[in-house]
Amino acid sequence: MSDTSGKPQNTAAFYGQAVASFAVAMAATAIGIFKLNADAWVRAFLAIAVLYLVTSAFTLAKVIRDRQDTTAPPVYPPFPKH
């Protein structure tokens, strides 16, 4: 009998894709802000705003995940063999 914990596990490929996607998005945003034809204070403001947005998104994702974990219905084992 297999051990089912009730939580689906992500594959290494899915994790790698998520990390790579985040890295590409952050790099593209950083390059775009750096090459923006504006004063340094405008670029600095945009960089801080992006960092604030990223940290807020991580916090929101954690709060939603925690709420779902506490309100999730119980996981029942497969039908018992008779």
C-alpha atoms as a PDB file:
ATOM      1  CA  MET A   1       0.000   0.000   0.000  1.00  0.00           C
ATOM      2  CA  SER A   2       1.344   3.425  -0.887  1.00  0.00           C
ATOM      3  CA  ASP A   3       1.680   6.256   1.573  1.00  0.00           C
ATOM      4  CA  THR A   4      -0.648   9.083   0.551  1.00  0.00           C
ATOM      5  CA  SER A   5      -0.150  12.262   2.514  1.00  0.00           C
ATOM      6  CA  GLY A   6      -3.088  14.017   0.866  1.00  0.00           C
ATOM      7  CA  LYS A   7      -0.965  16.834  -0.544  1.00  0.00           C
ATOM      8  CA  PRO A   8       0.138  16.566  -4.168  1.00  0.00           C
ATOM      9  CA  GLN A   9       3.865  17.104  -4.564  1.00  0.00           C
ATOM     10  CA  ASN A  10       5.300  19.292  -7.317  1.00  0.00           C
ATOM     11  CA  THR A  11       7.803  17.752  -9.680  1.00  0.00           C
ATOM     12  CA  ALA A  12      11.352  19.040  -9.975  1.00  0.00           C
ATOM     13  CA  ALA A  13      10.594  20.247 -13.513  1.00  0.00           C
ATOM     14  CA  PHE A  14       7.608  22.296 -12.320  1.00  0.00           C
ATOM     15  CA  TYR A  15       9.691  23.828  -9.535  1.00  0.00           C
ATOM     16  CA  GLY A  16      12.527  24.596 -11.962  1.00  0.00           C
ATOM     17  CA  GLN A  17      10.144  26.186 -14.447  1.00  0.00           C
ATOM     18  CA  ALA A  18       8.640  28.386 -11.743  1.00  0.00           C
ATOM     19  CA  VAL A  19      12.053  29.541 -10.530  1.00  0.00           C
ATOM     20  CA  ALA A  20      13.297  30.168 -14.085  1.00  0.00           C
ATOM     21  CA  SER A  21      10.142  32.097 -14.983  1.00  0.00           C
ATOM     22  CA  PHE A  22      10.487  34.283 -11.890  1.00  0.00           C
ATOM     23  CA  ALA A  23      14.171  34.929 -12.639  1.00  0.00           C
ATOM     24  CA  VAL A  24      13.487  35.866 -16.270  1.00  0.00           C
ATOM     25  CA  ALA A  25      10.642  38.206 -15.273  1.00  0.00           C
ATOM     26  CA  MET A  26      12.747  39.952 -12.620  1.00  0.00           C
ATOM     27  CA  ALA A  27      15.742  40.252 -14.972  1.00  0.00           C
ATOM     28  CA  ALA A  28      13.616  41.674 -17.792  1.00  0.00           C
ATOM     29  CA  THR A  29      12.040  44.197 -15.429  1.00  0.00           C
ATOM     30  CA  ALA A  30      15.431  45.207 -14.026  1.00  0.00           C
ATOM     31  CA  ILE A  31      16.890  45.661 -17.514  1.00  0.00           C
ATOM     32  CA  GLY A  32      13.838  47.657 -18.600  1.00  0.00           C
ATOM     33  CA  ILE A  33      14.104  49.969 -15.596  1.00  0.00           C
ATOM     34  CA  PHE A  34      17.885  50.342 -16.049  1.00  0.00           C
ATOM     35  CA  LYS A  35      17.574  51.243 -19.738  1.00  0.00           C
ATOM     36  CA  LEU A  36      14.604  53.576 -19.182  1.00  0.00           C
ATOM     37  CA  ASN A  37      15.257  57.070 -20.468  1.00  0.00           C
ATOM     38  CA  ALA A  38      14.443  58.837 -17.198  1.00  0.00           C
ATOM     39  CA  ASP A  39      16.171  60.433 -14.243  1.00  0.00           C
ATOM     40  CA  ALA A  40      17.866  58.215 -11.680  1.00  0.00           C
ATOM     41  CA  TRP A  41      15.259  58.966  -9.006  1.00  0.00           C
ATOM     42  CA  VAL A  42      12.462  57.767 -11.320  1.00  0.00           C
ATOM     43  CA  ARG A  43      14.310  54.509 -12.035  1.00  0.00           C
ATOM     44  CA  ALA A  44      15.017  54.044  -8.312  1.00  0.00           C
ATOM     45  CA  PHE A  45      11.349  54.638  -7.483  1.00  0.00           C
ATOM     46  CA  LEU A  46      10.256  52.055 -10.062  1.00  0.00           C
ATOM     47  CA  ALA A  47      12.806  49.532  -8.749  1.00  0.00           C
ATOM     48  CA  ILE A  48      11.545  49.940  -5.173  1.00  0.00           C
ATOM     49  CA  ALA A  49       7.951  49.641  -6.402  1.00  0.00           C
ATOM     50  CA  VAL A  50       8.760  46.362  -8.180  1.00  0.00           C
ATOM     51  CA  LEU A  51      10.441  44.950  -5.069  1.00  0.00           C
ATOM     52  CA  TYR A  52       7.421  45.961  -2.965  1.00  0.00           C
ATOM     53  CA  LEU A  53       5.084  44.329  -5.462  1.00  0.00           C
ATOM     54  CA  VAL A  54       7.088  41.083  -5.417  1.00  0.00           C
ATOM     55  CA  THR A  55       7.198  40.864  -1.621  1.00  0.00           C
ATOM     56  CA  SER A  56       3.477  41.650  -1.429  1.00  0.00           C
ATOM     57  CA  ALA A  57       2.710  38.908  -3.956  1.00  0.00           C
ATOM     58  CA  PHE A  58       4.717  36.342  -1.953  1.00  0.00           C
ATOM     59  CA  THR A  59       2.936  37.373   1.251  1.00  0.00           C
ATOM     60  CA  LEU A  60      -0.483  37.159  -0.394  1.00  0.00           C
ATOM     61  CA  ALA A  61       0.295  33.706  -1.818  1.00  0.00           C
ATOM     62  CA  LYS A  62       1.389  32.484   1.633  1.00  0.00           C
ATOM     63  CA  VAL A  63      -1.721  33.868   3.334  1.00  0.00           C
ATOM     64  CA  ILE A  64      -4.012  32.245   0.759  1.00  0.00           C
ATOM     65  CA  ARG A  65      -2.164  28.923   1.062  1.00  0.00           C
ATOM     66  CA  ASP A  66      -2.352  29.014   4.855  1.00  0.00           C
ATOM     67  CA  ARG A  67      -6.078  29.766   4.762  1.00  0.00           C
ATOM     68  CA  GLN A  68      -6.692  26.895   2.337  1.00  0.00           C
ATOM     69  CA  ASP A  69      -4.661  24.528   4.520  1.00  0.00           C
ATOM     70  CA  THR A  70      -6.765  25.329   7.590  1.00  0.00           C
ATOM     71  CA  THR A  71     -10.131  25.154   5.820  1.00  0.00           C
ATOM     72  CA  ALA A  72      -9.414  22.155   3.584  1.00  0.00           C
ATOM     73  CA  PRO A  73     -11.719  19.198   4.029  1.00  0.00           C
ATOM     74  CA  PRO A  74     -10.144  16.146   5.666  1.00  0.00           C
ATOM     75  CA  VAL A  75      -8.366  13.717   3.385  1.00  0.00           C
ATOM     76  CA  TYR A  76      -9.744  10.220   3.668  1.00  0.00           C
ATOM     77  CA  PRO A  77      -7.674   7.128   2.897  1.00  0.00           C
ATOM     78  CA  PRO A  78      -8.663   4.891  -0.026  1.00  0.00           C
ATOM     79  CA  PHE A  79     -11.410   2.348   0.479  1.00  0.00           C
ATOM     80  CA  PRO A  80     -10.340  -0.361   2.915  1.00  0.00           C
ATOM     81  CA  LYS A  81      -9.957  -3.893   1.642  1.00  0.00           C
ATOM     82  CA  HIS A  82     -12.403  -6.415   3.090  1.00  0.00           C
END
